[in-house]
Protein backbone atom coordinates (compact mmCIF):
# COMPACT_ATOMS: atom_id res chain seq x y z
CA UNK A 1 94.05 123.02 83.69
CA UNK A 2 91.76 120.37 84.32
CA UNK A 3 88.37 120.85 81.92
CA UNK A 4 84.53 119.96 83.63
CA UNK A 5 81.48 120.16 81.99
CA UNK A 6 78.58 120.86 84.32
CA UNK A 7 75.69 118.59 82.78
CA UNK A 8 72.81 120.19 84.82
CA UNK A 9 72.80 124.04 85.84
CA UNK A 10 70.17 127.27 85.86
CA UNK A 11 72.98 130.09 85.32
CA UNK A 12 70.32 131.81 83.20
CA UNK A 13 68.35 132.18 86.73
CA UNK A 14 67.44 135.72 88.25
CA UNK A 15 69.24 134.70 90.74
CA UNK A 16 73.03 135.32 88.90
CA UNK A 17 71.13 138.39 87.07
CA UNK A 18 73.48 140.84 89.37
CA UNK A 19 76.62 139.02 88.80
CA UNK A 20 76.45 136.69 85.70
CA UNK A 21 79.61 137.75 84.13
CA UNK A 22 81.15 137.45 87.15
CA UNK A 23 79.86 134.10 87.22
CA UNK A 24 80.75 132.78 83.73
CA UNK A 25 84.19 134.61 84.58
CA UNK A 26 84.94 132.09 87.16
CA UNK A 27 83.44 128.90 85.50
CA UNK A 28 86.43 129.79 82.60
CA UNK A 29 89.00 130.32 85.84
CA UNK A 30 88.56 126.66 86.89
CA UNK A 31 88.05 125.08 83.51
CA UNK A 32 84.27 124.68 83.40
CA UNK A 33 84.29 124.71 79.91
CA UNK A 34 81.44 123.09 78.67
CA UNK A 35 77.49 123.30 80.21
CA UNK A 36 74.13 122.43 80.18
CA UNK A 37 71.11 124.67 81.08
CA UNK A 38 68.32 123.40 81.76
CA UNK A 39 64.78 124.53 81.50
CA UNK A 40 61.87 123.55 83.68
CA UNK A 41 58.83 125.09 82.20
CA UNK A 42 57.73 126.47 78.57
CA UNK A 43 59.15 130.07 79.42
CA UNK A 44 62.33 129.15 81.26
CA UNK A 45 63.35 126.64 77.96
CA UNK A 46 63.14 129.60 75.86
CA UNK A 47 65.36 131.31 77.83
CA UNK A 48 67.87 128.58 78.38
CA UNK A 49 67.56 127.92 74.26
CA UNK A 50 68.63 131.93 74.08
CA UNK A 51 71.19 131.91 76.73
CA UNK A 52 72.77 128.75 74.85
CA UNK A 53 72.54 130.72 71.24
CA UNK A 54 74.26 133.57 73.11
CA UNK A 55 77.25 131.98 75.34
CA UNK A 56 79.98 129.61 73.99
CA UNK A 57 79.99 125.98 75.73
CA UNK A 58 76.13 126.75 76.79
CA UNK A 59 73.48 123.65 75.47
CA UNK A 60 70.08 124.34 76.10
CA UNK A 61 67.78 121.55 77.17
CA UNK A 62 64.11 122.03 77.58
CA UNK A 63 60.54 120.15 78.85
CA UNK A 64 58.21 121.04 81.98
CA UNK A 65 59.09 119.69 85.02
CA UNK A 66 56.94 118.06 87.87
CA UNK A 67 56.48 120.94 89.55
CA UNK A 68 54.71 122.90 86.50
CA UNK A 69 52.87 120.06 85.10
CA UNK A 70 49.75 121.49 86.29
CA UNK A 71 50.47 124.32 83.83
CA UNK A 72 50.72 121.63 80.87
CA UNK A 73 49.09 122.32 77.54
CA UNK A 74 49.21 119.91 74.60
CA UNK A 75 50.63 122.69 71.87
CA UNK A 76 53.65 122.69 74.28
CA UNK A 77 55.04 119.28 72.96
CA UNK A 78 55.12 120.58 69.27
CA UNK A 79 57.47 123.42 70.51
CA UNK A 80 59.51 120.87 71.97
CA UNK A 81 59.09 118.95 68.94
CA UNK A 82 60.25 121.81 66.87
CA UNK A 83 63.01 122.94 69.57
CA UNK A 84 64.68 119.68 68.93
CA UNK A 85 64.40 119.14 64.98
CA UNK A 86 65.97 122.56 65.19
CA UNK A 87 68.89 121.61 67.11
CA UNK A 88 67.85 124.37 69.41
CA UNK A 89 67.65 121.94 72.37
CA UNK A 90 69.79 118.92 73.13
CA UNK A 91 67.46 116.71 75.36
CA UNK A 92 63.66 116.81 76.69
CA UNK A 93 63.90 118.17 80.33
CA UNK A 94 64.06 117.86 83.11
CA UNK A 95 60.81 115.73 83.45
CA UNK A 96 59.99 113.46 86.35
CA UNK A 97 57.62 112.77 89.14
CA UNK A 98 58.56 114.86 92.06
CA UNK A 99 56.41 113.39 95.54
CA UNK A 100 58.32 115.42 98.10
CA UNK A 101 56.99 118.78 97.08
CA UNK A 102 53.79 117.76 94.97
CA UNK A 103 53.51 120.97 93.31
CA UNK A 104 50.88 119.41 90.72
CA UNK A 105 48.62 116.57 91.61
CA UNK A 106 50.69 113.08 91.41
CA UNK A 107 48.43 111.96 88.41
CA UNK A 108 48.85 115.17 86.34
CA UNK A 109 52.92 114.14 86.98
CA UNK A 110 52.76 111.08 85.81
CA UNK A 111 50.34 112.12 82.80
CA UNK A 112 53.05 114.75 81.38
CA UNK A 113 55.86 113.30 82.44
CA UNK A 114 54.98 109.74 80.14
CA UNK A 115 53.55 112.48 77.30
CA UNK A 116 57.02 113.83 77.32
CA UNK A 117 58.87 111.17 77.06
CA UNK A 118 56.80 109.63 74.56
CA UNK A 119 57.77 112.44 72.17
CA UNK A 120 61.57 111.88 73.08
CA UNK A 121 60.64 108.41 71.78
CA UNK A 122 59.13 109.93 68.69
CA UNK A 123 61.54 112.23 67.65
CA UNK A 124 64.71 110.19 69.16
CA UNK A 125 65.70 112.75 71.90
CA UNK A 126 67.60 111.53 75.64
CA UNK A 127 65.55 113.05 78.50
CA UNK A 128 66.66 114.55 81.81
CA UNK A 129 64.88 113.45 84.38
CA UNK A 130 64.47 114.99 88.00
CA UNK A 131 62.64 112.15 90.20
CA UNK A 132 62.51 113.04 93.68
CA UNK A 133 61.03 110.49 96.42
CA UNK A 134 59.51 108.67 93.29
CA UNK A 135 62.31 106.26 92.54
CA UNK A 136 59.75 103.28 92.59
CA UNK A 137 57.16 104.51 90.51
CA UNK A 138 59.47 106.30 88.16
CA UNK A 139 61.13 102.63 87.56
CA UNK A 140 57.88 101.08 86.90
CA UNK A 141 56.58 103.26 84.25
CA UNK A 142 60.01 103.47 82.23
CA UNK A 143 59.96 99.35 82.70
CA UNK A 144 56.30 99.65 80.81
CA UNK A 145 57.73 101.61 78.54
CA UNK A 146 61.02 99.75 78.05
CA UNK A 147 61.19 99.34 74.50
CA UNK A 148 60.23 103.10 73.58
CA UNK A 149 62.68 104.86 75.88
CA UNK A 150 65.73 107.02 74.28
CA UNK A 151 68.38 106.87 77.04
CA UNK A 152 68.98 109.95 78.95
CA UNK A 153 70.28 111.21 82.34
CA UNK A 154 68.95 110.80 85.90
CA UNK A 155 70.07 114.14 87.37
CA UNK A 156 71.17 114.87 90.79
CA UNK A 157 70.62 110.87 91.76
CA UNK A 158 69.30 110.45 95.07
CA UNK A 159 68.78 107.32 95.67
CA UNK A 160 70.75 103.89 96.71
CA UNK A 161 73.16 101.87 94.69
CA UNK A 162 70.56 98.97 93.91
CA UNK A 163 68.41 101.87 92.27
CA UNK A 164 71.31 103.08 90.30
CA UNK A 165 71.63 99.76 88.83
CA UNK A 166 67.98 99.87 87.54
CA UNK A 167 68.66 102.90 86.33
CA UNK A 168 71.71 101.43 84.43
CA UNK A 169 69.82 98.47 82.95
CA UNK A 170 67.28 101.04 81.78
CA UNK A 171 70.02 102.38 79.54
CA UNK A 172 70.56 105.94 81.42
CA UNK A 173 73.69 107.87 82.57
CA UNK A 174 73.59 109.16 86.64
CA UNK A 175 74.82 112.49 87.61
CA UNK A 176 75.56 113.48 91.03
CA UNK A 177 75.52 116.85 92.54
CA UNK A 178 76.06 118.67 95.00
CA UNK A 179 74.85 115.53 98.12
CA UNK A 180 77.50 113.46 96.76
CA UNK A 181 79.90 116.08 99.03
CA UNK A 182 77.81 115.92 102.14
CA UNK A 183 79.35 114.12 105.14
CA UNK A 184 76.54 112.12 105.66
CA UNK A 185 75.26 110.65 102.18
CA UNK A 186 76.95 106.82 102.69
CA UNK A 187 74.44 105.34 100.16
CA UNK A 188 74.61 108.20 97.54
CA UNK A 189 78.67 107.86 97.68
CA UNK A 190 78.05 103.80 97.53
CA UNK A 191 76.43 104.18 94.52
CA UNK A 192 78.93 106.84 93.14
CA UNK A 193 81.72 104.03 93.55
CA UNK A 194 79.58 101.38 91.73
CA UNK A 195 78.90 103.37 88.74
CA UNK A 196 80.79 102.25 85.70
CA UNK A 197 82.71 105.39 84.54
CA UNK A 198 81.11 105.15 81.41
CA UNK A 199 77.78 105.77 82.71
CA UNK A 200 79.03 109.11 85.19
CA UNK A 201 78.19 112.60 85.16
CA UNK A 202 78.50 115.48 87.15
CA UNK A 203 76.56 118.81 87.93
CA UNK A 204 76.08 121.45 90.34
CA UNK A 205 72.34 122.28 89.78
CA UNK A 206 72.84 125.34 90.87
CA UNK A 207 71.92 127.58 91.97
CA UNK A 208 70.77 125.18 94.00
CA UNK A 209 72.34 122.30 95.98
CA UNK A 210 75.66 123.59 96.77
CA UNK A 211 78.55 121.07 97.56
CA UNK A 212 81.14 121.26 100.12
CA UNK A 213 83.46 122.96 100.79
CA UNK A 214 80.82 126.15 99.92
CA UNK A 215 77.62 123.90 101.12
CA UNK A 216 74.90 126.85 102.52
CA UNK A 217 75.80 129.19 99.98
CA UNK A 218 74.45 130.12 96.47
CA UNK A 219 75.38 127.28 93.99
CA UNK A 220 77.46 128.02 90.98
CA UNK A 221 78.71 125.80 87.92
CA UNK A 222 82.48 126.73 88.79
CA UNK A 223 81.45 124.23 92.14
CA UNK A 224 81.48 121.55 89.87
CA UNK A 225 84.75 120.93 90.16
CA UNK A 226 84.15 120.07 93.80
CA UNK A 227 81.60 117.29 92.82
CA UNK A 228 84.33 116.13 90.12
CA UNK A 229 86.77 115.50 93.04
CA UNK A 230 84.70 114.41 95.69
CA UNK A 231 84.00 111.49 92.80
CA UNK A 232 87.64 110.89 91.95
CA UNK A 233 88.16 110.38 95.84
CA UNK A 234 85.45 107.63 96.35
CA UNK A 235 87.01 106.38 93.29
CA UNK A 236 90.62 106.11 93.95
CA UNK A 237 90.66 108.11 90.47
CA UNK A 238 92.97 111.40 89.47
CA UNK A 239 90.93 114.02 88.77
CA UNK A 240 91.86 114.09 85.49
CA UNK A 241 90.80 110.82 84.53
CA UNK A 242 87.38 111.75 86.58
CA UNK A 243 86.71 114.92 84.56
CA UNK A 244 87.81 112.97 81.26
CA UNK A 245 85.59 110.25 81.38
CA UNK A 246 82.54 112.45 82.81
CA UNK A 247 83.14 115.39 80.02
CA UNK A 248 83.16 112.74 77.44
CA UNK A 249 80.20 110.66 78.45
CA UNK A 250 77.98 114.49 78.43
CA UNK A 251 79.30 114.98 75.53
CA UNK A 252 77.82 111.74 74.22
CA UNK A 253 74.94 111.78 75.66
CA UNK A 254 74.11 115.74 74.86
CA UNK A 255 74.86 114.82 71.21
CA UNK A 256 77.93 116.85 71.32
CA UNK A 257 80.87 116.53 68.83
């Protein structure tokens, strides 16, 4: 069976409370043997840590999402530092900028993102980024911190091939989610064709962003195979090959042996 790695999901969230065991069983049935469970604030990061502790194949990532940046407290950095040093999380994230929803003021988003990037540099942790309608500013921040970047993942990539090249120059992996499979996604699909295979990841971001052919439904990690198969189709690869290198890349960036 082809084995896939879902590099970014939220299977611990309440949307799965009623049927989580069935969701996990479908993952195993479809060859999703490893997955990263991502926090978006301190509470959900703690939940991701506990989930990964009790579920085989799961890895936790913890940090403060741009939506939640307005709730940031100085002591949050101390807790994240401890998590990483104790091996409870594999990366800092998801952090970044979201200028589509603006749930936190933009200056606050920037400040909290930069503080977490500085923490990642201090402790040598990779970073998982959420970037929406803010690629230009995020790249500018990264360029200004070029000597202090620790690498990581541009999660649910939404930019063009040229934008992808900028992130690649800065040392990041590019992760594709459900939108890669959509019919009206030519720029995204162009980017997927040109990225070197040693920098590619796939994800679901479940329960959000369901791919074709399950678009419009609650997403779940088992559906990462649809993203992987679309990536293979776009690049003219055998899905087994795509699954192998995206899994290897995810294990590398998350430091999983």
